[in-house]
Amino acid sequence: MIRLPEFSYYSPKTLRETLKILASERGKARAVAGGTDLFPNMKRRVQTPAVLVSLNQVKELHRNISRRRSAGIVIPSGSTLSEVSRNQLIQQFYPSLSKTASSIATPLIQNMGTIGGNLCLDTRCTYYNQSPEWRESVGYCMKAPEGKPDIPCRVAPGSPQCVAVNSSDTAPLFCALQGEFTLVSSDGERKIKACDFYRNDGELYLNLKPDEILSEMILPLPENLKVCYLKLRRRGSFDFPVLGVAAALKIANQKVEEARIFLNAVSSAPIEAAESEKILIGSSLEDGKLKKETIAKSARQAVKYSAPYDNTDFYAFWRKEMTEVFVKRALESLNEPEILKEL
């Protein structure tokens, strides 16, 4: 049996108390909600925080998902994936998010894991997510806690930074939906766009300070918006994605007014396929649908934004090739009548 390392544990009841503990520990503490990713990583000793601060009893993080007229849909970070997938407001305004949350891992993990935890998911790599003995045998890597500054990336030795991948299913979707995150610390509160929350660096993958926590996510109410998220993985359940595609189109007067395409699990952060979006923006619809040639051209352009390495399941070159296929499928799915307008 693989056991957890020793650590101190706090279970505060209020957000104020939580932030006070995080500030006093000066970077030694780690906030934990469902722990479905953190605890397995701790057992493998890839993460070894000296202090854990539980968020499970913090009532401010477990409010109901609500609608604010001036803001949109507000989702507390402590909401479980099951709560998000079953929530009537989410199903009404953003059914793509409901479907995505219900596709993550297994029902047991969805009942325990939180939406905030999925958005803050640690980056993953074949050379990192291993046992201590395995990591020692290969000489560690720059992301491993035992690693030293001069240890190179085992996947890309010439890279100045870690290339571990972001495997969050909800991250690219929140980016495509132009979500906004609220971060809180003992110094106060700050807002950040979802796409600015992530950094393309496998080690420093979040714009989140050690004493900050993600408290809530805000999604603007959509207007004539169609949204889709597709992912590639070996098994249709449980597995992390090795390619994720989030696509959002705003349609007005039989033309694409806005287009957003984000790729994930092929880099350390969700990547926006800007040139693919430009091809779509301003394009005319034919019988209420995107033209096939427009979809094909946009999908081809997306490949240049996909830069996978051999550090997760499947060959990297195949995952890159599948980028075009999945972007095309995502855009084609937005043409189907069963894809509801997210109004």
C-alpha atoms as a PDB file:
ATOM      1  CA  MET A   1       0.000   0.000   0.000  1.00  0.00           C
ATOM      2  CA  ILE A   2       1.293   3.458  -0.901  1.00  0.00           C
ATOM      3  CA  ARG A   3       0.826   5.742   2.080  1.00  0.00           C
ATOM      4  CA  LEU A   4       0.522   9.499   2.305  1.00  0.00           C
ATOM      5  CA  PRO A   5       3.527  11.407   3.679  1.00  0.00           C
ATOM      6  CA  GLU A   6       3.205  13.192   6.997  1.00  0.00           C
ATOM      7  CA  PHE A   7       1.586  16.633   6.969  1.00  0.00           C
ATOM      8  CA  SER A   8      -0.235  19.067   9.224  1.00  0.00           C
ATOM      9  CA  TYR A   9      -3.931  19.469   8.531  1.00  0.00           C
ATOM     10  CA  TYR A  10      -6.318  22.385   9.063  1.00  0.00           C
ATOM     11  CA  SER A  11     -10.055  22.408   8.447  1.00  0.00           C
ATOM     12  CA  PRO A  12     -11.213  26.039   8.776  1.00  0.00           C
ATOM     13  CA  LYS A  13     -14.876  26.967   8.643  1.00  0.00           C
ATOM     14  CA  THR A  14     -14.635  30.425   7.061  1.00  0.00           C
ATOM     15  CA  LEU A  15     -12.835  31.957   4.123  1.00  0.00           C
ATOM     16  CA  ARG A  16     -11.204  34.538   6.346  1.00  0.00           C
ATOM     17  CA  GLU A  17      -9.723  31.843   8.577  1.00  0.00           C
ATOM     18  CA  THR A  18      -8.544  29.889   5.530  1.00  0.00           C
ATOM     19  CA  LEU A  19      -6.721  32.863   4.040  1.00  0.00           C
ATOM     20  CA  LYS A  20      -5.129  33.688   7.381  1.00  0.00           C
ATOM     21  CA  ILE A  21      -3.665  30.174   7.624  1.00  0.00           C
ATOM     22  CA  LEU A  22      -2.359  30.250   4.053  1.00  0.00           C
ATOM     23  CA  ALA A  23      -0.703  33.621   4.645  1.00  0.00           C
ATOM     24  CA  SER A  24       0.904  32.517   7.914  1.00  0.00           C
ATOM     25  CA  GLU A  25       2.428  29.392   6.358  1.00  0.00           C
ATOM     26  CA  ARG A  26       4.298  31.469   3.760  1.00  0.00           C
ATOM     27  CA  GLY A  27       4.035  29.125   0.825  1.00  0.00           C
ATOM     28  CA  LYS A  28       4.341  25.859   2.767  1.00  0.00           C
ATOM     29  CA  ALA A  29       0.593  25.202   2.794  1.00  0.00           C
ATOM     30  CA  ARG A  30      -1.551  23.774   0.022  1.00  0.00           C
ATOM     31  CA  ALA A  31      -5.315  24.211  -0.214  1.00  0.00           C
ATOM     32  CA  VAL A  32      -7.226  20.997  -0.909  1.00  0.00           C
ATOM     33  CA  ALA A  33     -10.877  20.423  -1.789  1.00  0.00           C
ATOM     34  CA  GLY A  34     -11.830  16.999  -3.166  1.00  0.00           C
ATOM     35  CA  GLY A  35      -8.182  15.915  -3.319  1.00  0.00           C
ATOM     36  CA  THR A  36      -8.839  13.462  -6.155  1.00  0.00           C
ATOM     37  CA  ASP A  37      -5.634  14.544  -7.918  1.00  0.00           C
ATOM     38  CA  LEU A  38      -3.563  15.917  -5.044  1.00  0.00           C
ATOM     39  CA  PHE A  39      -3.709  12.870  -2.749  1.00  0.00           C
ATOM     40  CA  PRO A  40      -2.572  10.372  -5.428  1.00  0.00           C
ATOM     41  CA  ASN A  41       0.267  12.772  -6.297  1.00  0.00           C
ATOM     42  CA  MET A  42       1.229  12.982  -2.627  1.00  0.00           C
ATOM     43  CA  LYS A  43       1.302   9.193  -2.394  1.00  0.00           C
ATOM     44  CA  ARG A  44       3.737   9.157  -5.313  1.00  0.00           C
ATOM     45  CA  ARG A  45       5.677  11.964  -3.602  1.00  0.00           C
ATOM     46  CA  VAL A  46       5.426  14.205  -6.650  1.00  0.00           C
ATOM     47  CA  GLN A  47       3.840  16.800  -4.376  1.00  0.00           C
ATOM     48  CA  THR A  48       4.800  16.940  -0.716  1.00  0.00           C
ATOM     49  CA  PRO A  49       3.185  19.938   1.006  1.00  0.00           C
ATOM     50  CA  ALA A  50       3.993  20.243   4.697  1.00  0.00           C
ATOM     51  CA  VAL A  51       0.551  21.677   5.457  1.00  0.00           C
ATOM     52  CA  LEU A  52      -2.868  20.989   3.952  1.00  0.00           C
ATOM     53  CA  VAL A  53      -5.746  23.405   4.394  1.00  0.00           C
ATOM     54  CA  SER A  54      -9.098  21.790   3.674  1.00  0.00           C
ATOM     55  CA  LEU A  55     -11.716  23.850   1.853  1.00  0.00           C
ATOM     56  CA  ASN A  56     -14.547  21.399   2.449  1.00  0.00           C
ATOM     57  CA  GLN A  57     -16.021  23.265   5.432  1.00  0.00           C
ATOM     58  CA  VAL A  58     -15.595  26.784   4.037  1.00  0.00           C
ATOM     59  CA  LYS A  59     -19.192  27.842   3.525  1.00  0.00           C
ATOM     60  CA  GLU A  60     -18.352  30.775   1.206  1.00  0.00           C
ATOM     61  CA  LEU A  61     -16.968  28.307  -1.359  1.00  0.00           C
ATOM     62  CA  HIS A  62     -20.050  26.087  -1.258  1.00  0.00           C
ATOM     63  CA  ARG A  63     -22.846  28.542  -2.018  1.00  0.00           C
ATOM     64  CA  ASN A  64     -25.439  27.671  -4.623  1.00  0.00           C
ATOM     65  CA  ILE A  65     -24.693  28.283  -8.276  1.00  0.00           C
ATOM     66  CA  SER A  66     -26.579  31.484  -9.011  1.00  0.00           C
ATOM     67  CA  ARG A  67     -27.473  34.033 -11.653  1.00  0.00           C
ATOM     68  CA  ARG A  68     -26.512  37.673 -11.229  1.00  0.00           C
ATOM     69  CA  ARG A  69     -28.079  40.039 -13.724  1.00  0.00           C
ATOM     70  CA  SER A  70     -25.049  42.304 -13.895  1.00  0.00           C
ATOM     71  CA  ALA A  71     -22.504  39.483 -14.046  1.00  0.00           C
ATOM     72  CA  GLY A  72     -23.991  36.267 -15.386  1.00  0.00           C
ATOM     73  CA  ILE A  73     -23.751  32.777 -13.932  1.00  0.00           C
ATOM     74  CA  VAL A  74     -21.644  32.572 -10.758  1.00  0.00           C
ATOM     75  CA  ILE A  75     -20.160  29.186  -9.870  1.00  0.00           C
ATOM     76  CA  PRO A  76     -18.491  28.783  -6.452  1.00  0.00           C
ATOM     77  CA  SER A  77     -15.196  26.891  -6.753  1.00  0.00           C
ATOM     78  CA  GLY A  78     -16.290  24.348  -4.133  1.00  0.00           C
ATOM     79  CA  SER A  79     -19.127  23.084  -6.339  1.00  0.00           C
ATOM     80  CA  THR A  80     -18.541  19.434  -7.175  1.00  0.00           C
ATOM     81  CA  LEU A  81     -18.404  18.303 -10.781  1.00  0.00           C
ATOM     82  CA  SER A  82     -21.649  16.422 -10.180  1.00  0.00           C
ATOM     83  CA  GLU A  83     -23.353  19.584  -8.917  1.00  0.00           C
ATOM     84  CA  VAL A  84     -22.174  21.513 -11.970  1.00  0.00           C
ATOM     85  CA  SER A  85     -23.324  18.835 -14.402  1.00  0.00           C
ATOM     86  CA  ARG A  86     -26.801  18.588 -12.809  1.00  0.00           C
ATOM     87  CA  ASN A  87     -27.431  22.242 -12.074  1.00  0.00           C
ATOM     88  CA  GLN A  88     -30.473  23.629 -13.897  1.00  0.00           C
ATOM     89  CA  LEU A  89     -28.907  27.036 -14.566  1.00  0.00           C
ATOM     90  CA  ILE A  90     -25.829  25.417 -16.114  1.00  0.00           C
ATOM     91  CA  GLN A  91     -28.000  23.077 -18.180  1.00  0.00           C
ATOM     92  CA  GLN A  92     -30.139  26.009 -19.335  1.00  0.00           C
ATOM     93  CA  PHE A  93     -27.440  28.509 -20.237  1.00  0.00           C
ATOM     94  CA  TYR A  94     -24.325  26.378 -20.790  1.00  0.00           C
ATOM     95  CA  PRO A  95     -25.268  22.755 -21.543  1.00  0.00           C
ATOM     96  CA  SER A  96     -21.754  22.211 -22.944  1.00  0.00           C
ATOM     97  CA  LEU A  97     -20.304  22.804 -19.468  1.00  0.00           C
ATOM     98  CA  SER A  98     -22.829  20.410 -17.952  1.00  0.00           C
ATOM     99  CA  LYS A  99     -21.872  17.738 -20.468  1.00  0.00           C
ATOM    100  CA  THR A 100     -18.142  18.342 -19.998  1.00  0.00           C
ATOM    101  CA  ALA A 101     -18.351  18.092 -16.196  1.00  0.00           C
ATOM    102  CA  SER A 102     -20.241  14.793 -16.492  1.00  0.00           C
ATOM    103  CA  SER A 103     -17.520  13.403 -18.799  1.00  0.00           C
ATOM    104  CA  ILE A 104     -14.630  13.885 -16.372  1.00  0.00           C
ATOM    105  CA  ALA A 105     -13.198  10.712 -14.843  1.00  0.00           C
ATOM    106  CA  THR A 106     -15.858   8.579 -13.111  1.00  0.00           C
ATOM    107  CA  PRO A 107     -19.079   9.321 -11.166  1.00  0.00           C
ATOM    108  CA  LEU A 108     -17.269   8.658  -7.884  1.00  0.00           C
ATOM    109  CA  ILE A 109     -14.636  11.264  -8.680  1.00  0.00           C
ATOM    110  CA  GLN A 110     -17.287  13.678  -9.958  1.00  0.00           C
ATOM    111  CA  ASN A 111     -19.053  13.413  -6.594  1.00  0.00           C
ATOM    112  CA  MET A 112     -15.841  14.305  -4.753  1.00  0.00           C
ATOM    113  CA  GLY A 113     -13.833  16.481  -7.144  1.00  0.00           C
ATOM    114  CA  THR A 114     -14.669  20.180  -7.451  1.00  0.00           C
ATOM    115  CA  ILE A 115     -14.869  22.473 -10.449  1.00  0.00           C
ATOM    116  CA  GLY A 116     -12.225  24.698  -8.849  1.00  0.00           C
ATOM    117  CA  GLY A 117      -9.926  21.726  -8.430  1.00  0.00           C
ATOM    118  CA  ASN A 118     -10.319  20.737 -12.063  1.00  0.00           C
ATOM    119  CA  LEU A 119      -9.525  24.270 -13.199  1.00  0.00           C
ATOM    120  CA  CYS A 120      -6.368  24.239 -11.043  1.00  0.00           C
ATOM    121  CA  LEU A 121      -5.336  20.707 -12.031  1.00  0.00           C
ATOM    122  CA  ASP A 122      -1.602  20.061 -11.873  1.00  0.00           C
ATOM    123  CA  THR A 123       0.146  19.557 -15.209  1.00  0.00           C
ATOM    124  CA  ARG A 124       0.979  15.962 -16.085  1.00  0.00           C
ATOM    125  CA  CYS A 125       3.940  14.149 -17.655  1.00  0.00           C
ATOM    126  CA  THR A 126       5.098  10.553 -18.076  1.00  0.00           C
ATOM    127  CA  TYR A 127       8.395  11.421 -16.372  1.00  0.00           C
ATOM    128  CA  TYR A 128       6.727  13.235 -13.470  1.00  0.00           C
ATOM    129  CA  ASN A 129       3.648  11.242 -12.456  1.00  0.00           C
ATOM    130  CA  GLN A 130       5.603   8.187 -11.344  1.00  0.00           C
ATOM    131  CA  SER A 131       6.807   6.535  -8.158  1.00  0.00           C
ATOM    132  CA  PRO A 132       9.836   7.960  -6.259  1.00  0.00           C
ATOM    133  CA  GLU A 133      11.907   4.933  -7.283  1.00  0.00           C
ATOM    134  CA  TRP A 134      11.089   5.426 -10.968  1.00  0.00           C
ATOM    135  CA  ARG A 135      11.931   9.129 -10.894  1.00  0.00           C
ATOM    136  CA  GLU A 136      15.194   8.429  -9.097  1.00  0.00           C
ATOM    137  CA  SER A 137      16.192   5.785 -11.648  1.00  0.00           C
ATOM    138  CA  VAL A 138      15.976   8.288 -14.535  1.00  0.00           C
ATOM    139  CA  GLY A 139      17.635  11.090 -12.588  1.00  0.00           C
ATOM    140  CA  TYR A 140      14.520  13.139 -11.843  1.00  0.00           C
ATOM    141  CA  CYS A 141      13.399  16.130 -13.920  1.00  0.00           C
ATOM    142  CA  MET A 142      13.025  19.878 -13.527  1.00  0.00           C
ATOM    143  CA  LYS A 143       9.395  19.582 -12.273  1.00  0.00           C
ATOM    144  CA  ALA A 144      10.019  16.837  -9.698  1.00  0.00           C
ATOM    145  CA  PRO A 145      10.419  18.105  -6.102  1.00  0.00           C
ATOM    146  CA  GLU A 146      13.794  16.343  -5.885  1.00  0.00           C
ATOM    147  CA  GLY A 147      14.952  18.017  -9.086  1.00  0.00           C
ATOM    148  CA  LYS A 148      17.736  20.588  -9.150  1.00  0.00           C
ATOM    149  CA  PRO A 149      17.946  23.723 -11.304  1.00  0.00           C
ATOM    150  CA  ASP A 150      20.460  22.118 -13.660  1.00  0.00           C
ATOM    151  CA  ILE A 151      18.348  18.993 -14.333  1.00  0.00           C
ATOM    152  CA  PRO A 152      16.878  19.191 -17.843  1.00  0.00           C
ATOM    153  CA  CYS A 153      13.420  18.337 -19.060  1.00  0.00           C
ATOM    154  CA  ARG A 154      13.470  14.600 -19.836  1.00  0.00           C
ATOM    155  CA  VAL A 155      11.014  15.020 -22.708  1.00  0.00           C
ATOM    156  CA  ALA A 156      12.595  18.077 -24.336  1.00  0.00           C
ATOM    157  CA  PRO A 157      16.187  18.371 -23.004  1.00  0.00           C
ATOM    158  CA  GLY A 158      16.748  21.624 -24.901  1.00  0.00           C
ATOM    159  CA  SER A 159      13.678  23.323 -23.459  1.00  0.00           C
ATOM    160  CA  PRO A 160      14.322  26.072 -20.881  1.00  0.00           C
ATOM    161  CA  GLN A 161      11.071  25.166 -19.116  1.00  0.00           C
ATOM    162  CA  CYS A 162       8.925  22.167 -18.245  1.00  0.00           C
ATOM    163  CA  VAL A 163       6.547  20.923 -20.974  1.00  0.00           C
ATOM    164  CA  ALA A 164       4.143  18.917 -18.785  1.00  0.00           C
ATOM    165  CA  VAL A 165       0.603  19.192 -20.163  1.00  0.00           C
ATOM    166  CA  ASN A 166      -2.544  20.796 -18.823  1.00  0.00           C
ATOM    167  CA  SER A 167      -5.176  18.037 -18.677  1.00  0.00           C
ATOM    168  CA  SER A 168      -8.139  20.006 -17.321  1.00  0.00           C
ATOM    169  CA  ASP A 169     -11.293  19.486 -19.374  1.00  0.00           C
ATOM    170  CA  THR A 170     -13.015  22.593 -18.072  1.00  0.00           C
ATOM    171  CA  ALA A 171     -10.074  25.002 -18.532  1.00  0.00           C
ATOM    172  CA  PRO A 172     -10.313  25.372 -22.350  1.00  0.00           C
ATOM    173  CA  LEU A 173     -14.096  25.594 -22.111  1.00  0.00           C
ATOM    174  CA  PHE A 174     -13.974  28.460 -19.594  1.00  0.00           C
ATOM    175  CA  CYS A 175     -11.446  30.198 -21.856  1.00  0.00           C
ATOM    176  CA  ALA A 176     -13.709  29.803 -24.890  1.00  0.00           C
ATOM    177  CA  LEU A 177     -16.686  31.062 -22.878  1.00  0.00           C
ATOM    178  CA  GLN A 178     -14.694  34.126 -21.757  1.00  0.00           C
ATOM    179  CA  GLY A 179     -15.089  33.297 -18.106  1.00  0.00           C
ATOM    180  CA  GLU A 180     -13.691  35.410 -15.302  1.00  0.00           C
ATOM    181  CA  PHE A 181     -12.124  34.058 -12.102  1.00  0.00           C
ATOM    182  CA  THR A 182     -12.129  35.604  -8.642  1.00  0.00           C
ATOM    183  CA  LEU A 183      -8.925  35.034  -6.667  1.00  0.00           C
ATOM    184  CA  VAL A 184      -8.778  35.873  -2.971  1.00  0.00           C
ATOM    185  CA  SER A 185      -6.002  36.171  -0.400  1.00  0.00           C
ATOM    186  CA  SER A 186      -5.460  37.939   2.904  1.00  0.00           C
ATOM    187  CA  ASP A 187      -4.456  41.000   0.850  1.00  0.00           C
ATOM    188  CA  GLY A 188      -7.824  41.173  -0.857  1.00  0.00           C
ATOM    189  CA  GLU A 189      -9.579  40.093  -4.036  1.00  0.00           C
ATOM    190  CA  ARG A 190      -8.634  40.292  -7.694  1.00  0.00           C
ATOM    191  CA  LYS A 191     -10.307  39.332 -10.964  1.00  0.00           C
ATOM    192  CA  ILE A 192      -8.572  37.597 -13.841  1.00  0.00           C
ATOM    193  CA  LYS A 193      -9.745  36.367 -17.223  1.00  0.00           C
ATOM    194  CA  ALA A 194      -9.836  32.601 -17.547  1.00  0.00           C
ATOM    195  CA  CYS A 195      -7.379  32.639 -20.454  1.00  0.00           C
ATOM    196  CA  ASP A 196      -4.937  34.760 -18.387  1.00  0.00           C
ATOM    197  CA  PHE A 197      -5.135  32.388 -15.418  1.00  0.00           C
ATOM    198  CA  TYR A 198      -2.970  29.809 -17.221  1.00  0.00           C
ATOM    199  CA  ARG A 199       0.704  29.984 -18.125  1.00  0.00           C
ATOM    200  CA  ASN A 200       2.385  27.861 -20.790  1.00  0.00           C
ATOM    201  CA  ASP A 201       4.913  26.541 -18.301  1.00  0.00           C
ATOM    202  CA  GLY A 202       4.629  23.042 -16.820  1.00  0.00           C
ATOM    203  CA  GLU A 203       6.051  24.143 -13.464  1.00  0.00           C
ATOM    204  CA  LEU A 204       4.493  27.587 -12.985  1.00  0.00           C
ATOM    205  CA  TYR A 205       1.282  26.760 -14.783  1.00  0.00           C
ATOM    206  CA  LEU A 206      -1.119  29.076 -12.909  1.00  0.00           C
ATOM    207  CA  ASN A 207      -1.144  32.809 -12.269  1.00  0.00           C
ATOM    208  CA  LEU A 208      -1.962  32.043  -8.655  1.00  0.00           C
ATOM    209  CA  LYS A 209       0.049  33.206  -5.655  1.00  0.00           C
ATOM    210  CA  PRO A 210       0.877  30.670  -2.880  1.00  0.00           C
ATOM    211  CA  ASP A 211      -1.550  32.324  -0.450  1.00  0.00           C
ATOM    212  CA  GLU A 212      -4.364  32.773  -2.991  1.00  0.00           C
ATOM    213  CA  ILE A 213      -7.290  30.516  -3.755  1.00  0.00           C
ATOM    214  CA  LEU A 214      -9.794  30.438  -6.575  1.00  0.00           C
ATOM    215  CA  SER A 215     -13.103  31.359  -4.948  1.00  0.00           C
ATOM    216  CA  GLU A 216     -15.590  31.617  -7.818  1.00  0.00           C
ATOM    217  CA  MET A 217     -15.968  31.617 -11.587  1.00  0.00           C
ATOM    218  CA  ILE A 218     -18.241  33.960 -13.524  1.00  0.00           C
ATOM    219  CA  LEU A 219     -19.639  33.161 -16.967  1.00  0.00           C
ATOM    220  CA  PRO A 220     -21.325  35.962 -18.933  1.00  0.00           C
ATOM    221  CA  LEU A 221     -24.814  35.225 -20.177  1.00  0.00           C
ATOM    222  CA  PRO A 222     -24.512  34.040 -23.792  1.00  0.00           C
ATOM    223  CA  GLU A 223     -26.195  35.629 -26.794  1.00  0.00           C
ATOM    224  CA  ASN A 224     -26.690  33.563 -29.945  1.00  0.00           C
ATOM    225  CA  LEU A 225     -23.777  31.425 -28.857  1.00  0.00           C
ATOM    226  CA  LYS A 226     -23.046  27.834 -29.824  1.00  0.00           C
ATOM    227  CA  VAL A 227     -20.461  25.963 -27.783  1.00  0.00           C
ATOM    228  CA  CYS A 228     -18.842  22.549 -27.972  1.00  0.00           C
ATOM    229  CA  TYR A 229     -16.073  20.623 -26.226  1.00  0.00           C
ATOM    230  CA  LEU A 230     -14.551  17.406 -27.568  1.00  0.00           C
ATOM    231  CA  LYS A 231     -11.652  15.375 -26.253  1.00  0.00           C
ATOM    232  CA  LEU A 232      -9.444  12.505 -27.292  1.00  0.00           C
ATOM    233  CA  ARG A 233      -8.527   9.784 -24.800  1.00  0.00           C
ATOM    234  CA  ARG A 234      -7.820   6.071 -24.962  1.00  0.00           C
ATOM    235  CA  ARG A 235     -10.856   5.019 -22.934  1.00  0.00           C
ATOM    236  CA  GLY A 236     -14.245   6.693 -22.995  1.00  0.00           C
ATOM    237  CA  SER A 237     -14.215   7.012 -19.215  1.00  0.00           C
ATOM    238  CA  PHE A 238     -11.741   7.911 -16.491  1.00  0.00           C
ATOM    239  CA  ASP A 239      -8.733   8.739 -18.689  1.00  0.00           C
ATOM    240  CA  PHE A 240      -7.308  12.250 -18.861  1.00  0.00           C
ATOM    241  CA  PRO A 241      -7.604  13.897 -22.278  1.00  0.00           C
ATOM    242  CA  VAL A 242      -4.561  13.849 -24.564  1.00  0.00           C
ATOM    243  CA  LEU A 243      -6.241  16.438 -26.796  1.00  0.00           C
ATOM    244  CA  GLY A 244      -9.092  18.786 -25.966  1.00  0.00           C
ATOM    245  CA  VAL A 245     -10.897  21.209 -28.281  1.00  0.00           C
ATOM    246  CA  ALA A 246     -13.298  23.901 -27.078  1.00  0.00           C
ATOM    247  CA  ALA A 247     -15.115  25.880 -29.779  1.00  0.00           C
ATOM    248  CA  ALA A 248     -17.541  28.780 -29.420  1.00  0.00           C
ATOM    249  CA  LEU A 249     -19.345  30.660 -32.200  1.00  0.00           C
ATOM    250  CA  LYS A 250     -21.560  33.707 -31.927  1.00  0.00           C
ATOM    251  CA  ILE A 251     -23.959  33.924 -34.855  1.00  0.00           C
ATOM    252  CA  ALA A 252     -25.729  37.090 -36.002  1.00  0.00           C
ATOM    253  CA  ASN A 253     -27.480  37.852 -39.305  1.00  0.00           C
ATOM    254  CA  GLN A 254     -26.356  34.560 -40.838  1.00  0.00           C
ATOM    255  CA  LYS A 255     -22.697  35.370 -40.204  1.00  0.00           C
ATOM    256  CA  VAL A 256     -20.111  34.366 -37.622  1.00  0.00           C
ATOM    257  CA  GLU A 257     -19.698  37.433 -35.433  1.00  0.00           C
ATOM    258  CA  GLU A 258     -17.294  35.886 -32.926  1.00  0.00           C
ATOM    259  CA  ALA A 259     -15.257  32.677 -32.917  1.00  0.00           C
ATOM    260  CA  ARG A 260     -13.087  31.159 -30.237  1.00  0.00           C
ATOM    261  CA  ILE A 261     -11.127  27.914 -30.450  1.00  0.00           C
ATOM    262  CA  PHE A 262      -8.932  26.685 -27.600  1.00  0.00           C
ATOM    263  CA  LEU A 263      -6.745  23.566 -27.672  1.00  0.00           C
ATOM    264  CA  ASN A 264      -5.715  21.725 -24.537  1.00  0.00           C
ATOM    265  CA  ALA A 265      -3.627  18.731 -23.421  1.00  0.00           C
ATOM    266  CA  VAL A 266      -1.111  19.502 -26.187  1.00  0.00           C
ATOM    267  CA  SER A 267       0.729  22.166 -24.169  1.00  0.00           C
ATOM    268  CA  SER A 268       1.061  23.399 -20.598  1.00  0.00           C
ATOM    269  CA  ALA A 269      -1.911  25.764 -20.970  1.00  0.00           C
ATOM    270  CA  PRO A 270      -5.023  26.114 -23.114  1.00  0.00           C
ATOM    271  CA  ILE A 271      -3.845  27.578 -26.428  1.00  0.00           C
ATOM    272  CA  GLU A 272      -6.002  29.871 -28.549  1.00  0.00           C
ATOM    273  CA  ALA A 273      -5.949  29.046 -32.263  1.00  0.00           C
ATOM    274  CA  ALA A 274      -6.145  32.674 -33.375  1.00  0.00           C
ATOM    275  CA  GLU A 275      -5.697  32.135 -37.121  1.00  0.00           C
ATOM    276  CA  SER A 276      -8.377  29.448 -37.135  1.00  0.00           C
ATOM    277  CA  GLU A 277     -10.724  31.925 -35.488  1.00  0.00           C
ATOM    278  CA  LYS A 278      -9.951  34.630 -38.073  1.00  0.00           C
ATOM    279  CA  ILE A 279     -11.020  32.282 -40.868  1.00  0.00           C
ATOM    280  CA  LEU A 280     -14.391  31.796 -39.189  1.00  0.00           C
ATOM    281  CA  ILE A 281     -15.101  35.398 -38.166  1.00  0.00           C
ATOM    282  CA  GLY A 282     -17.159  37.152 -40.811  1.00  0.00           C
ATOM    283  CA  SER A 283     -17.855  33.988 -42.786  1.00  0.00           C
ATOM    284  CA  SER A 284     -21.377  33.589 -44.120  1.00  0.00           C
ATOM    285  CA  LEU A 285     -23.597  30.667 -43.238  1.00  0.00           C
ATOM    286  CA  GLU A 286     -25.259  28.542 -45.873  1.00  0.00           C
ATOM    287  CA  ASP A 287     -28.741  27.336 -44.944  1.00  0.00           C
ATOM    288  CA  GLY A 288     -27.952  28.259 -41.363  1.00  0.00           C
ATOM    289  CA  LYS A 289     -24.734  26.235 -41.265  1.00  0.00           C
ATOM    290  CA  LEU A 290     -21.010  26.820 -41.600  1.00  0.00           C
ATOM    291  CA  LYS A 291     -19.697  25.994 -45.050  1.00  0.00           C
ATOM    292  CA  LYS A 292     -17.679  22.787 -45.284  1.00  0.00           C
ATOM    293  CA  GLU A 293     -14.723  24.526 -46.922  1.00  0.00           C
ATOM    294  CA  THR A 294     -14.639  27.133 -44.137  1.00  0.00           C
ATOM    295  CA  ILE A 295     -14.595  24.414 -41.481  1.00  0.00           C
ATOM    296  CA  ALA A 296     -11.849  22.493 -43.282  1.00  0.00           C
ATOM    297  CA  LYS A 297      -9.646  25.567 -43.683  1.00  0.00           C
ATOM    298  CA  SER A 298     -10.071  26.592 -40.050  1.00  0.00           C
ATOM    299  CA  ALA A 299      -9.287  23.068 -38.828  1.00  0.00           C
ATOM    300  CA  ARG A 300      -6.074  22.923 -40.908  1.00  0.00           C
ATOM    301  CA  GLN A 301      -4.856  26.199 -39.430  1.00  0.00           C
ATOM    302  CA  ALA A 302      -5.371  24.892 -35.885  1.00  0.00           C
ATOM    303  CA  VAL A 303      -2.622  22.291 -36.327  1.00  0.00           C
ATOM    304  CA  LYS A 304       0.122  24.929 -36.101  1.00  0.00           C
ATOM    305  CA  TYR A 305      -0.994  25.719 -32.528  1.00  0.00           C
ATOM    306  CA  SER A 306      -0.741  22.083 -31.441  1.00  0.00           C
ATOM    307  CA  ALA A 307       2.717  21.200 -30.096  1.00  0.00           C
ATOM    308  CA  PRO A 308       2.429  17.910 -28.176  1.00  0.00           C
ATOM    309  CA  TYR A 309       5.414  16.009 -26.797  1.00  0.00           C
ATOM    310  CA  ASP A 310       5.806  12.304 -26.036  1.00  0.00           C
ATOM    311  CA  ASN A 311       4.973  12.817 -22.371  1.00  0.00           C
ATOM    312  CA  THR A 312       1.484  11.339 -22.183  1.00  0.00           C
ATOM    313  CA  ASP A 313      -0.645   8.665 -23.854  1.00  0.00           C
ATOM    314  CA  PHE A 314      -0.428   8.093 -27.649  1.00  0.00           C
ATOM    315  CA  TYR A 315       2.331   9.263 -29.991  1.00  0.00           C
ATOM    316  CA  ALA A 316       2.861  13.016 -30.147  1.00  0.00           C
ATOM    317  CA  PHE A 317       2.803  13.170 -33.957  1.00  0.00           C
ATOM    318  CA  TRP A 318      -0.570  11.397 -34.011  1.00  0.00           C
ATOM    319  CA  ARG A 319      -2.062  13.729 -31.437  1.00  0.00           C
ATOM    320  CA  LYS A 320      -0.926  16.649 -33.585  1.00  0.00           C
ATOM    321  CA  GLU A 321      -2.591  15.103 -36.639  1.00  0.00           C
ATOM    322  CA  MET A 322      -5.767  14.507 -34.662  1.00  0.00           C
ATOM    323  CA  THR A 323      -5.945  18.209 -33.833  1.00  0.00           C
ATOM    324  CA  GLU A 324      -7.266  18.949 -37.306  1.00  0.00           C
ATOM    325  CA  VAL A 325      -9.734  16.071 -37.054  1.00  0.00           C
ATOM    326  CA  PHE A 326     -11.134  17.151 -33.687  1.00  0.00           C
ATOM    327  CA  VAL A 327     -11.374  20.841 -34.541  1.00  0.00           C
ATOM    328  CA  LYS A 328     -13.276  19.845 -37.673  1.00  0.00           C
ATOM    329  CA  ARG A 329     -15.562  17.576 -35.660  1.00  0.00           C
ATOM    330  CA  ALA A 330     -16.178  20.304 -33.087  1.00  0.00           C
ATOM    331  CA  LEU A 331     -17.136  22.859 -35.737  1.00  0.00           C
ATOM    332  CA  GLU A 332     -19.260  20.325 -37.610  1.00  0.00           C
ATOM    333  CA  SER A 333     -21.088  19.451 -34.407  1.00  0.00           C
ATOM    334  CA  LEU A 334     -22.078  23.112 -34.036  1.00  0.00           C
ATOM    335  CA  ASN A 335     -23.903  22.724 -37.365  1.00  0.00           C
ATOM    336  CA  GLU A 336     -26.090  19.930 -36.056  1.00  0.00           C
ATOM    337  CA  PRO A 337     -29.651  20.797 -34.994  1.00  0.00           C
ATOM    338  CA  GLU A 338     -29.320  18.905 -31.710  1.00  0.00           C
ATOM    339  CA  ILE A 339     -26.605  21.333 -30.587  1.00  0.00           C
ATOM    340  CA  LEU A 340     -28.738  23.866 -28.740  1.00  0.00           C
ATOM    341  CA  LYS A 341     -28.057  27.548 -28.928  1.00  0.00           C
ATOM    342  CA  GLU A 342     -26.796  28.522 -25.515  1.00  0.00           C
ATOM    343  CA  LEU A 343     -29.232  31.374 -24.953  1.00  0.00           C
END
